[in-house]
């Protein structure tokens, strides 16, 4: 017999499942292909980054610099 904690866990899990389903439904059906070489410095983009961040065009170092620049000018 379930108690209140089990019921609460079930509700939370259902909410998470619904949120993930909505997120997956909102994704673009088109696959963005990542560049093999960074468009800023022409260094190779690591395969793990290309898989994790589909559609990436910058290597990790250039992306970090780009993020810092954007954060500085966003103020």
N, C-alpha and C. Protein backbone atom coordinates (compact mmCIF):
# COMPACT_ATOMS: atom_id res chain seq x y z
N UNK A 1 0.85 -1.18 0.00
CA UNK A 1 0.00 0.00 0.00
C UNK A 1 0.90 1.25 0.00
N UNK A 2 0.61 2.16 -0.93
CA UNK A 2 1.42 3.36 -1.05
C UNK A 2 1.08 4.40 -0.01
N UNK A 3 2.06 5.18 0.33
CA UNK A 3 1.82 6.27 1.28
C UNK A 3 1.89 7.61 0.54
N UNK A 4 1.86 8.67 1.28
CA UNK A 4 1.83 10.01 0.69
C UNK A 4 3.11 10.29 -0.09
N UNK A 5 4.25 9.83 0.41
CA UNK A 5 5.52 10.07 -0.28
C UNK A 5 5.53 9.37 -1.64
N UNK A 6 5.01 8.17 -1.72
CA UNK A 6 4.93 7.47 -3.00
C UNK A 6 4.05 8.22 -3.98
N UNK A 7 2.91 8.70 -3.48
CA UNK A 7 2.00 9.47 -4.32
C UNK A 7 2.67 10.75 -4.83
N UNK A 8 3.39 11.42 -3.96
CA UNK A 8 4.10 12.65 -4.35
C UNK A 8 5.17 12.34 -5.40
N UNK A 9 5.91 11.26 -5.22
CA UNK A 9 6.92 10.86 -6.19
C UNK A 9 6.29 10.56 -7.55
N UNK A 10 5.16 9.91 -7.54
CA UNK A 10 4.46 9.60 -8.79
C UNK A 10 4.04 10.89 -9.50
N UNK A 11 3.54 11.87 -8.75
CA UNK A 11 3.14 13.14 -9.34
C UNK A 11 4.32 13.89 -9.94
N UNK A 12 5.43 13.88 -9.21
CA UNK A 12 6.64 14.56 -9.71
C UNK A 12 7.13 13.87 -10.98
N UNK A 13 7.14 12.54 -10.98
CA UNK A 13 7.61 11.81 -12.16
C UNK A 13 6.71 12.09 -13.36
N UNK A 14 5.40 12.14 -13.12
CA UNK A 14 4.47 12.44 -14.21
C UNK A 14 4.71 13.83 -14.76
N UNK A 15 4.97 14.80 -13.89
CA UNK A 15 5.25 16.16 -14.34
C UNK A 15 6.54 16.22 -15.16
N UNK A 16 7.55 15.50 -14.71
CA UNK A 16 8.81 15.45 -15.46
C UNK A 16 8.61 14.81 -16.83
N UNK A 17 7.87 13.73 -16.87
CA UNK A 17 7.61 13.06 -18.15
C UNK A 17 6.88 13.98 -19.12
N UNK A 18 5.90 14.73 -18.61
CA UNK A 18 5.16 15.66 -19.46
C UNK A 18 6.06 16.78 -19.96
N UNK A 19 6.92 17.29 -19.09
CA UNK A 19 7.83 18.37 -19.48
C UNK A 19 8.81 17.89 -20.55
N UNK A 20 9.34 16.69 -20.39
CA UNK A 20 10.27 16.15 -21.38
C UNK A 20 9.57 15.89 -22.70
N UNK A 21 8.35 15.39 -22.65
CA UNK A 21 7.59 15.15 -23.87
C UNK A 21 7.33 16.47 -24.60
N UNK A 22 6.99 17.51 -23.87
CA UNK A 22 6.76 18.82 -24.48
C UNK A 22 8.04 19.37 -25.09
N UNK A 23 9.14 19.17 -24.40
CA UNK A 23 10.43 19.66 -24.90
C UNK A 23 10.81 18.93 -26.18
N UNK A 24 10.63 17.62 -26.20
CA UNK A 24 10.96 16.84 -27.39
C UNK A 24 10.04 17.19 -28.55
N UNK A 25 8.78 17.49 -28.27
CA UNK A 25 7.84 17.87 -29.32
C UNK A 25 8.20 19.23 -29.92
N UNK A 26 8.81 20.10 -29.12
CA UNK A 26 9.16 21.44 -29.59
C UNK A 26 10.45 21.47 -30.38
N UNK A 27 11.23 20.39 -30.34
CA UNK A 27 12.49 20.37 -31.07
C UNK A 27 12.25 20.38 -32.57
N UNK A 28 13.16 20.99 -33.27
CA UNK A 28 13.07 21.06 -34.71
C UNK A 28 13.26 19.67 -35.32
N UNK A 29 12.47 19.32 -36.32
CA UNK A 29 12.64 18.02 -36.95
C UNK A 29 13.89 17.95 -37.82
N UNK A 30 14.48 19.11 -38.08
CA UNK A 30 15.67 19.15 -38.91
C UNK A 30 16.92 18.96 -38.05
N UNK A 31 17.84 18.17 -38.53
CA UNK A 31 19.08 17.92 -37.80
C UNK A 31 20.11 18.94 -38.24
N UNK A 32 20.67 19.65 -37.29
CA UNK A 32 21.74 20.60 -37.58
C UNK A 32 23.06 19.86 -37.57
N UNK A 33 23.80 19.96 -38.64
CA UNK A 33 25.09 19.29 -38.69
C UNK A 33 26.18 20.23 -38.19
N UNK A 34 27.07 19.69 -37.39
CA UNK A 34 28.16 20.47 -36.83
C UNK A 34 29.31 20.57 -37.83
N UNK A 35 30.05 21.65 -37.71
CA UNK A 35 31.24 21.81 -38.53
C UNK A 35 32.34 20.90 -37.99
N UNK A 36 33.22 20.45 -38.87
CA UNK A 36 34.38 19.68 -38.44
C UNK A 36 35.49 20.60 -37.95
N UNK A 37 35.56 21.79 -38.55
CA UNK A 37 36.58 22.77 -38.17
C UNK A 37 35.91 24.03 -37.66
N UNK A 38 36.54 24.64 -36.68
CA UNK A 38 36.03 25.88 -36.09
C UNK A 38 36.04 26.99 -37.14
N UNK A 39 34.94 27.74 -37.23
CA UNK A 39 34.88 28.80 -38.23
C UNK A 39 35.71 30.02 -37.82
N UNK A 40 36.14 30.10 -36.56
CA UNK A 40 36.93 31.23 -36.11
C UNK A 40 38.43 30.98 -36.22
N UNK A 41 38.88 29.78 -35.84
CA UNK A 41 40.32 29.53 -35.79
C UNK A 41 40.77 28.36 -36.67
N UNK A 42 39.86 27.66 -37.29
CA UNK A 42 40.14 26.52 -38.17
C UNK A 42 40.75 25.31 -37.46
N UNK A 43 40.68 25.28 -36.13
CA UNK A 43 41.09 24.09 -35.40
C UNK A 43 39.97 23.06 -35.46
N UNK A 44 40.30 21.77 -35.36
CA UNK A 44 39.23 20.77 -35.38
C UNK A 44 38.33 20.88 -34.14
N UNK A 45 37.04 20.66 -34.34
CA UNK A 45 36.09 20.63 -33.24
C UNK A 45 36.02 19.19 -32.74
N UNK A 46 36.23 18.94 -31.45
CA UNK A 46 36.22 17.57 -30.94
C UNK A 46 34.88 16.86 -31.23
N UNK A 47 34.97 15.57 -31.53
CA UNK A 47 33.78 14.81 -31.88
C UNK A 47 32.75 14.83 -30.76
N UNK A 48 33.20 14.75 -29.52
CA UNK A 48 32.27 14.75 -28.39
C UNK A 48 31.45 16.04 -28.38
N UNK A 49 32.07 17.16 -28.69
CA UNK A 49 31.34 18.44 -28.74
C UNK A 49 30.36 18.45 -29.90
N UNK A 50 30.78 17.94 -31.06
CA UNK A 50 29.89 17.92 -32.22
C UNK A 50 28.66 17.07 -31.97
N UNK A 51 28.83 16.00 -31.20
CA UNK A 51 27.69 15.12 -30.89
C UNK A 51 26.80 15.76 -29.83
N UNK A 52 27.42 16.31 -28.80
CA UNK A 52 26.65 16.89 -27.68
C UNK A 52 25.92 18.17 -28.09
N UNK A 53 26.55 18.99 -28.92
CA UNK A 53 25.98 20.27 -29.32
C UNK A 53 25.81 20.28 -30.83
N UNK A 54 24.74 19.67 -31.31
CA UNK A 54 24.53 19.59 -32.75
C UNK A 54 24.38 20.98 -33.33
N UNK A 55 25.04 21.20 -34.46
CA UNK A 55 24.98 22.49 -35.12
C UNK A 55 26.06 23.46 -34.66
N UNK A 56 27.02 22.99 -33.86
CA UNK A 56 28.06 23.90 -33.38
C UNK A 56 28.99 24.29 -34.52
N UNK A 57 29.49 25.51 -34.46
CA UNK A 57 30.38 26.02 -35.48
C UNK A 57 31.71 26.48 -34.91
N UNK A 58 31.81 26.52 -33.57
CA UNK A 58 33.02 26.98 -32.91
C UNK A 58 33.60 25.88 -32.02
N UNK A 59 34.94 25.86 -31.91
CA UNK A 59 35.58 24.93 -30.97
C UNK A 59 35.30 25.42 -29.55
N UNK A 60 35.69 24.65 -28.59
CA UNK A 60 35.39 24.97 -27.19
C UNK A 60 36.03 26.30 -26.78
N UNK A 61 37.29 26.48 -27.13
CA UNK A 61 37.99 27.72 -26.73
C UNK A 61 37.35 28.95 -27.36
N UNK A 62 37.05 28.88 -28.65
CA UNK A 62 36.44 30.03 -29.32
C UNK A 62 35.02 30.28 -28.80
N UNK A 63 34.29 29.23 -28.48
CA UNK A 63 32.95 29.39 -27.93
C UNK A 63 33.01 30.06 -26.56
N UNK A 64 33.98 29.66 -25.73
CA UNK A 64 34.14 30.30 -24.42
C UNK A 64 34.45 31.79 -24.57
N UNK A 65 35.33 32.13 -25.51
CA UNK A 65 35.65 33.54 -25.75
C UNK A 65 34.42 34.29 -26.26
N UNK A 66 33.66 33.66 -27.15
CA UNK A 66 32.45 34.28 -27.66
C UNK A 66 31.43 34.52 -26.55
N UNK A 67 31.28 33.53 -25.66
CA UNK A 67 30.36 33.69 -24.53
C UNK A 67 30.79 34.83 -23.62
N UNK A 68 32.10 34.94 -23.37
CA UNK A 68 32.61 36.03 -22.53
C UNK A 68 32.35 37.39 -23.17
N UNK A 69 32.58 37.48 -24.48
CA UNK A 69 32.32 38.74 -25.17
C UNK A 69 30.85 39.11 -25.11
N UNK A 70 29.98 38.14 -25.34
CA UNK A 70 28.54 38.40 -25.33
C UNK A 70 28.09 38.81 -23.92
N UNK A 71 28.63 38.17 -22.91
CA UNK A 71 28.26 38.50 -21.53
C UNK A 71 28.72 39.91 -21.18
N UNK A 72 29.86 40.29 -21.67
CA UNK A 72 30.39 41.63 -21.36
C UNK A 72 29.54 42.72 -22.02
N UNK A 73 29.11 42.47 -23.26
CA UNK A 73 28.35 43.49 -23.96
C UNK A 73 26.86 43.42 -23.68
N UNK A 74 26.43 42.41 -22.97
CA UNK A 74 25.00 42.27 -22.64
C UNK A 74 24.60 43.20 -21.50
N UNK A 75 25.54 43.73 -20.81
CA UNK A 75 25.24 44.59 -19.63
C UNK A 75 24.65 45.88 -20.02
